[in-house]
Amino acid sequence: MTLRAVLGGMLRMIATVAIFSVAGPLAFAALILLIVFGAGAPLLALLHDLADLRRMSPLASAAVSVLTIGAMLAAFPPSAIAGVVFSFIAVCVGANAVWAAWLATAVAIAGILLLGALTVPDESSAVLLPNMRGAEQILRAFVGLNVLAFPPATLCWWLTRPLHRARIAAC
């Protein structure tokens, strides 16, 4: 194993983590906005018929901004963890298939949910962790979040494909 192969593998891992850390939260926020606007459009049309919503457009714009930023912040830790796990699977094992990205995402979501179940941050802490108690609640959140994370994980895998065309043994 040469130094060039090791450095190439490390650069691929760093690039993979960067792609998952940037594209994952952006795709997740876009998906959440699509779901909210898809389900909220009929309600918004009904409210528009009942009231003058032109006065509420700045408020709606602020709500969309807050929702987008909140979704991106919530999706960043699992996306970064999924990027680390997938980079090890793709570079070290050589399994850079889409199922590996889904598996890495499931591991990241499980880790965040378990951390939230076992850790209670202080009131003054800025750490955002889910506050869940009970196995059934954690399992439901795990399944729901994995369904929501399926398209962003697939997009991140597709964006990282050019990085892993040449198979090397870096680890």
C-alpha atoms as a PDB file:
ATOM      1  CA  MET A   1       0.000   0.000   0.000  1.00  0.00           C
ATOM      2  CA  THR A   2       1.471   3.301  -1.053  1.00  0.00           C
ATOM      3  CA  LEU A   3       1.255   6.697   0.563  1.00  0.00           C
ATOM      4  CA  ARG A   4      -0.658   7.934  -2.466  1.00  0.00           C
ATOM      5  CA  ALA A   5      -3.335   5.258  -1.996  1.00  0.00           C
ATOM      6  CA  VAL A   6      -3.712   6.070   1.696  1.00  0.00           C
ATOM      7  CA  LEU A   7      -3.961   9.812   1.060  1.00  0.00           C
ATOM      8  CA  GLY A   8      -6.390   9.216  -1.796  1.00  0.00           C
ATOM      9  CA  GLY A   9      -8.583   7.118   0.478  1.00  0.00           C
ATOM     10  CA  MET A  10      -8.482   9.749   3.209  1.00  0.00           C
ATOM     11  CA  LEU A  11      -9.404  12.494   0.745  1.00  0.00           C
ATOM     12  CA  ARG A  12     -12.303  10.402  -0.524  1.00  0.00           C
ATOM     13  CA  MET A  13     -13.505   9.892   3.029  1.00  0.00           C
ATOM     14  CA  ILE A  14     -13.307  13.621   3.796  1.00  0.00           C
ATOM     15  CA  ALA A  15     -15.135  14.491   0.575  1.00  0.00           C
ATOM     16  CA  THR A  16     -17.834  11.906   1.308  1.00  0.00           C
ATOM     17  CA  VAL A  17     -18.412  13.290   4.801  1.00  0.00           C
ATOM     18  CA  ALA A  18     -18.550  16.823   3.378  1.00  0.00           C
ATOM     19  CA  ILE A  19     -21.118  15.838   0.756  1.00  0.00           C
ATOM     20  CA  PHE A  20     -23.305  14.076   3.319  1.00  0.00           C
ATOM     21  CA  SER A  21     -22.944  17.002   5.755  1.00  0.00           C
ATOM     22  CA  VAL A  22     -23.989  19.629   3.201  1.00  0.00           C
ATOM     23  CA  ALA A  23     -26.326  17.867   0.776  1.00  0.00           C
ATOM     24  CA  GLY A  24     -28.104  15.773   3.428  1.00  0.00           C
ATOM     25  CA  PRO A  25     -29.507  18.671   5.493  1.00  0.00           C
ATOM     26  CA  LEU A  26     -30.360  20.666   2.355  1.00  0.00           C
ATOM     27  CA  ALA A  27     -32.236  17.738   0.822  1.00  0.00           C
ATOM     28  CA  PHE A  28     -33.999  16.962   4.108  1.00  0.00           C
ATOM     29  CA  ALA A  29     -35.119  20.591   4.512  1.00  0.00           C
ATOM     30  CA  ALA A  30     -36.375  20.631   0.920  1.00  0.00           C
ATOM     31  CA  LEU A  31     -38.293  17.418   1.538  1.00  0.00           C
ATOM     32  CA  ILE A  32     -39.887  18.786   4.717  1.00  0.00           C
ATOM     33  CA  LEU A  33     -40.881  21.999   2.906  1.00  0.00           C
ATOM     34  CA  LEU A  34     -42.343  19.960   0.063  1.00  0.00           C
ATOM     35  CA  ILE A  35     -44.401  17.898   2.501  1.00  0.00           C
ATOM     36  CA  VAL A  36     -45.554  20.979   4.430  1.00  0.00           C
ATOM     37  CA  PHE A  37     -46.520  22.895   1.315  1.00  0.00           C
ATOM     38  CA  GLY A  38     -48.104  19.830  -0.272  1.00  0.00           C
ATOM     39  CA  ALA A  39     -50.284  19.208   2.749  1.00  0.00           C
ATOM     40  CA  GLY A  40     -50.678  22.871   3.662  1.00  0.00           C
ATOM     41  CA  ALA A  41     -51.655  24.256   0.255  1.00  0.00           C
ATOM     42  CA  PRO A  42     -55.357  23.299   0.498  1.00  0.00           C
ATOM     43  CA  LEU A  43     -55.525  24.722   4.022  1.00  0.00           C
ATOM     44  CA  LEU A  44     -53.817  27.910   2.869  1.00  0.00           C
ATOM     45  CA  ALA A  45     -56.293  28.252  -0.005  1.00  0.00           C
ATOM     46  CA  LEU A  46     -59.190  27.849   2.437  1.00  0.00           C
ATOM     47  CA  LEU A  47     -57.741  30.491   4.740  1.00  0.00           C
ATOM     48  CA  HIS A  48     -57.201  32.802   1.775  1.00  0.00           C
ATOM     49  CA  ASP A  49     -60.888  32.532   0.947  1.00  0.00           C
ATOM     50  CA  LEU A  50     -61.867  33.303   4.537  1.00  0.00           C
ATOM     51  CA  ALA A  51     -59.419  36.119   5.287  1.00  0.00           C
ATOM     52  CA  ASP A  52     -57.154  38.579   3.571  1.00  0.00           C
ATOM     53  CA  LEU A  53     -53.787  36.813   3.644  1.00  0.00           C
ATOM     54  CA  ARG A  54     -51.838  39.540   1.885  1.00  0.00           C
ATOM     55  CA  ARG A  55     -51.201  41.034   5.297  1.00  0.00           C
ATOM     56  CA  MET A  56     -49.825  37.692   6.536  1.00  0.00           C
ATOM     57  CA  SER A  57     -47.259  37.120   3.764  1.00  0.00           C
ATOM     58  CA  PRO A  58     -44.280  38.458   5.811  1.00  0.00           C
ATOM     59  CA  LEU A  59     -45.299  36.151   8.648  1.00  0.00           C
ATOM     60  CA  ALA A  60     -45.538  33.182   6.282  1.00  0.00           C
ATOM     61  CA  SER A  61     -42.116  34.034   4.864  1.00  0.00           C
ATOM     62  CA  ALA A  62     -40.615  34.075   8.359  1.00  0.00           C
ATOM     63  CA  ALA A  63     -42.272  30.756   9.180  1.00  0.00           C
ATOM     64  CA  VAL A  64     -40.821  29.169   6.044  1.00  0.00           C
ATOM     65  CA  SER A  65     -37.360  30.493   6.940  1.00  0.00           C
ATOM     66  CA  VAL A  66     -37.574  29.185  10.497  1.00  0.00           C
ATOM     67  CA  LEU A  67     -38.844  25.796   9.288  1.00  0.00           C
ATOM     68  CA  THR A  68     -36.034  25.532   6.733  1.00  0.00           C
ATOM     69  CA  ILE A  69     -33.291  26.466   9.190  1.00  0.00           C
ATOM     70  CA  GLY A  70     -34.739  24.189  11.877  1.00  0.00           C
ATOM     71  CA  ALA A  71     -34.929  21.229   9.504  1.00  0.00           C
ATOM     72  CA  MET A  72     -31.345  21.797   8.375  1.00  0.00           C
ATOM     73  CA  LEU A  73     -30.057  22.071  11.952  1.00  0.00           C
ATOM     74  CA  ALA A  74     -31.921  18.949  13.000  1.00  0.00           C
ATOM     75  CA  ALA A  75     -30.636  16.999   9.993  1.00  0.00           C
ATOM     76  CA  PHE A  76     -26.975  18.022  10.287  1.00  0.00           C
ATOM     77  CA  PRO A  77     -25.779  15.658  13.075  1.00  0.00           C
ATOM     78  CA  PRO A  78     -27.297  12.477  11.588  1.00  0.00           C
ATOM     79  CA  SER A  79     -26.113  13.508   8.117  1.00  0.00           C
ATOM     80  CA  ALA A  80     -22.551  14.016   9.311  1.00  0.00           C
ATOM     81  CA  ILE A  81     -22.587  10.702  11.209  1.00  0.00           C
ATOM     82  CA  ALA A  82     -24.038   8.928   8.166  1.00  0.00           C
ATOM     83  CA  GLY A  83     -21.282  10.467   6.049  1.00  0.00           C
ATOM     84  CA  VAL A  84     -18.600   9.114   8.382  1.00  0.00           C
ATOM     85  CA  VAL A  85     -20.136   5.636   8.483  1.00  0.00           C
ATOM     86  CA  PHE A  86     -20.700   5.535   4.723  1.00  0.00           C
ATOM     87  CA  SER A  87     -17.185   6.774   3.981  1.00  0.00           C
ATOM     88  CA  PHE A  88     -15.705   3.907   5.992  1.00  0.00           C
ATOM     89  CA  ILE A  89     -18.004   1.403   4.293  1.00  0.00           C
ATOM     90  CA  ALA A  90     -17.308   2.790   0.813  1.00  0.00           C
ATOM     91  CA  VAL A  91     -13.573   3.379   1.045  1.00  0.00           C
ATOM     92  CA  CYS A  92     -12.382   0.685   3.446  1.00  0.00           C
ATOM     93  CA  VAL A  93     -14.790  -2.125   2.577  1.00  0.00           C
ATOM     94  CA  GLY A  94     -15.440  -1.135  -1.026  1.00  0.00           C
ATOM     95  CA  ALA A  95     -19.223  -1.423  -0.678  1.00  0.00           C
ATOM     96  CA  ASN A  96     -20.362   1.884  -2.122  1.00  0.00           C
ATOM     97  CA  ALA A  97     -23.850   0.713  -3.083  1.00  0.00           C
ATOM     98  CA  VAL A  98     -26.983   2.629  -2.249  1.00  0.00           C
ATOM     99  CA  TRP A  99     -27.906   0.100   0.437  1.00  0.00           C
ATOM    100  CA  ALA A 100     -24.703   1.065   2.267  1.00  0.00           C
ATOM    101  CA  ALA A 101     -25.821   4.707   2.328  1.00  0.00           C
ATOM    102  CA  TRP A 102     -29.221   3.646   3.667  1.00  0.00           C
ATOM    103  CA  LEU A 103     -27.536   1.471   6.306  1.00  0.00           C
ATOM    104  CA  ALA A 104     -25.227   4.336   7.311  1.00  0.00           C
ATOM    105  CA  THR A 105     -28.231   6.642   7.609  1.00  0.00           C
ATOM    106  CA  ALA A 106     -30.118   4.108   9.735  1.00  0.00           C
ATOM    107  CA  VAL A 107     -27.084   3.759  12.031  1.00  0.00           C
ATOM    108  CA  ALA A 108     -26.835   7.548  12.375  1.00  0.00           C
ATOM    109  CA  ILE A 109     -30.538   7.933  13.157  1.00  0.00           C
ATOM    110  CA  ALA A 110     -30.404   5.107  15.687  1.00  0.00           C
ATOM    111  CA  GLY A 111     -27.388   6.706  17.346  1.00  0.00           C
ATOM    112  CA  ILE A 112     -29.071  10.104  17.658  1.00  0.00           C
ATOM    113  CA  LEU A 113     -32.312   8.564  18.988  1.00  0.00           C
ATOM    114  CA  LEU A 114     -30.475   6.419  21.531  1.00  0.00           C
ATOM    115  CA  LEU A 115     -28.378   9.387  22.625  1.00  0.00           C
ATOM    116  CA  GLY A 116     -31.575  11.379  23.100  1.00  0.00           C
ATOM    117  CA  ALA A 117     -33.133   8.554  25.094  1.00  0.00           C
ATOM    118  CA  LEU A 118     -30.127   8.166  27.382  1.00  0.00           C
ATOM    119  CA  THR A 119     -29.036  11.795  27.781  1.00  0.00           C
ATOM    120  CA  VAL A 120     -30.979  14.748  29.142  1.00  0.00           C
ATOM    121  CA  PRO A 121     -29.137  18.009  28.403  1.00  0.00           C
ATOM    122  CA  ASP A 122     -29.226  20.904  30.866  1.00  0.00           C
ATOM    123  CA  GLU A 123     -31.861  23.576  30.380  1.00  0.00           C
ATOM    124  CA  SER A 124     -29.219  26.072  29.314  1.00  0.00           C
ATOM    125  CA  SER A 125     -27.668  23.665  26.812  1.00  0.00           C
ATOM    126  CA  ALA A 126     -27.953  24.369  23.094  1.00  0.00           C
ATOM    127  CA  VAL A 127     -27.883  20.643  22.280  1.00  0.00           C
ATOM    128  CA  LEU A 128     -30.954  19.510  20.344  1.00  0.00           C
ATOM    129  CA  LEU A 129     -31.739  15.889  21.133  1.00  0.00           C
ATOM    130  CA  PRO A 130     -35.050  14.087  20.834  1.00  0.00           C
ATOM    131  CA  ASN A 131     -36.704  13.563  24.197  1.00  0.00           C
ATOM    132  CA  MET A 132     -38.181  10.078  23.940  1.00  0.00           C
ATOM    133  CA  ARG A 133     -38.975   7.529  26.550  1.00  0.00           C
ATOM    134  CA  GLY A 134     -39.967   3.971  25.833  1.00  0.00           C
ATOM    135  CA  ALA A 135     -38.991   1.489  23.180  1.00  0.00           C
ATOM    136  CA  GLU A 136     -42.203   1.866  21.189  1.00  0.00           C
ATOM    137  CA  GLN A 137     -41.775   5.633  20.826  1.00  0.00           C
ATOM    138  CA  ILE A 138     -38.125   5.236  19.800  1.00  0.00           C
ATOM    139  CA  LEU A 139     -39.020   2.518  17.273  1.00  0.00           C
ATOM    140  CA  ARG A 140     -41.761   4.656  15.710  1.00  0.00           C
ATOM    141  CA  ALA A 141     -39.414   7.635  15.453  1.00  0.00           C
ATOM    142  CA  PHE A 142     -36.704   5.397  13.968  1.00  0.00           C
ATOM    143  CA  VAL A 143     -39.005   4.057  11.255  1.00  0.00           C
ATOM    144  CA  GLY A 144     -40.504   7.471  10.483  1.00  0.00           C
ATOM    145  CA  LEU A 145     -37.152   9.217  10.283  1.00  0.00           C
ATOM    146  CA  ASN A 146     -35.706   6.482   8.088  1.00  0.00           C
ATOM    147  CA  VAL A 147     -38.612   6.855   5.667  1.00  0.00           C
ATOM    148  CA  LEU A 148     -38.013  10.618   5.566  1.00  0.00           C
ATOM    149  CA  ALA A 149     -34.235  10.148   5.234  1.00  0.00           C
ATOM    150  CA  PHE A 150     -34.526   7.688   2.326  1.00  0.00           C
ATOM    151  CA  PRO A 151     -34.512  10.324  -0.497  1.00  0.00           C
ATOM    152  CA  PRO A 152     -31.750  12.521   1.013  1.00  0.00           C
ATOM    153  CA  ALA A 153     -29.555   9.452   1.631  1.00  0.00           C
ATOM    154  CA  THR A 154     -30.096   8.327  -1.948  1.00  0.00           C
ATOM    155  CA  LEU A 155     -29.164  11.802  -3.224  1.00  0.00           C
ATOM    156  CA  CYS A 156     -26.005  11.873  -1.098  1.00  0.00           C
ATOM    157  CA  TRP A 157     -25.031   8.413  -2.358  1.00  0.00           C
ATOM    158  CA  TRP A 158     -25.579   9.546  -5.950  1.00  0.00           C
ATOM    159  CA  LEU A 159     -23.428  12.645  -5.385  1.00  0.00           C
ATOM    160  CA  THR A 160     -20.583  10.559  -3.928  1.00  0.00           C
ATOM    161  CA  ARG A 161     -20.542   7.942  -6.682  1.00  0.00           C
ATOM    162  CA  PRO A 162     -17.787   9.657  -8.716  1.00  0.00           C
ATOM    163  CA  LEU A 163     -15.524   9.561  -5.650  1.00  0.00           C
ATOM    164  CA  HIS A 164     -15.636   5.787  -5.410  1.00  0.00           C
ATOM    165  CA  ARG A 165     -15.334   4.592  -8.987  1.00  0.00           C
ATOM    166  CA  ALA A 166     -11.794   3.377  -8.502  1.00  0.00           C
ATOM    167  CA  ARG A 167     -11.610   0.794  -5.748  1.00  0.00           C
ATOM    168  CA  ILE A 168      -8.590   1.099  -3.478  1.00  0.00           C
ATOM    169  CA  ALA A 169      -7.587  -0.574  -0.255  1.00  0.00           C
ATOM    170  CA  ALA A 170      -6.948   2.413   1.959  1.00  0.00           C
ATOM    171  CA  CYS A 171      -7.749   0.890   5.342  1.00  0.00           C
END
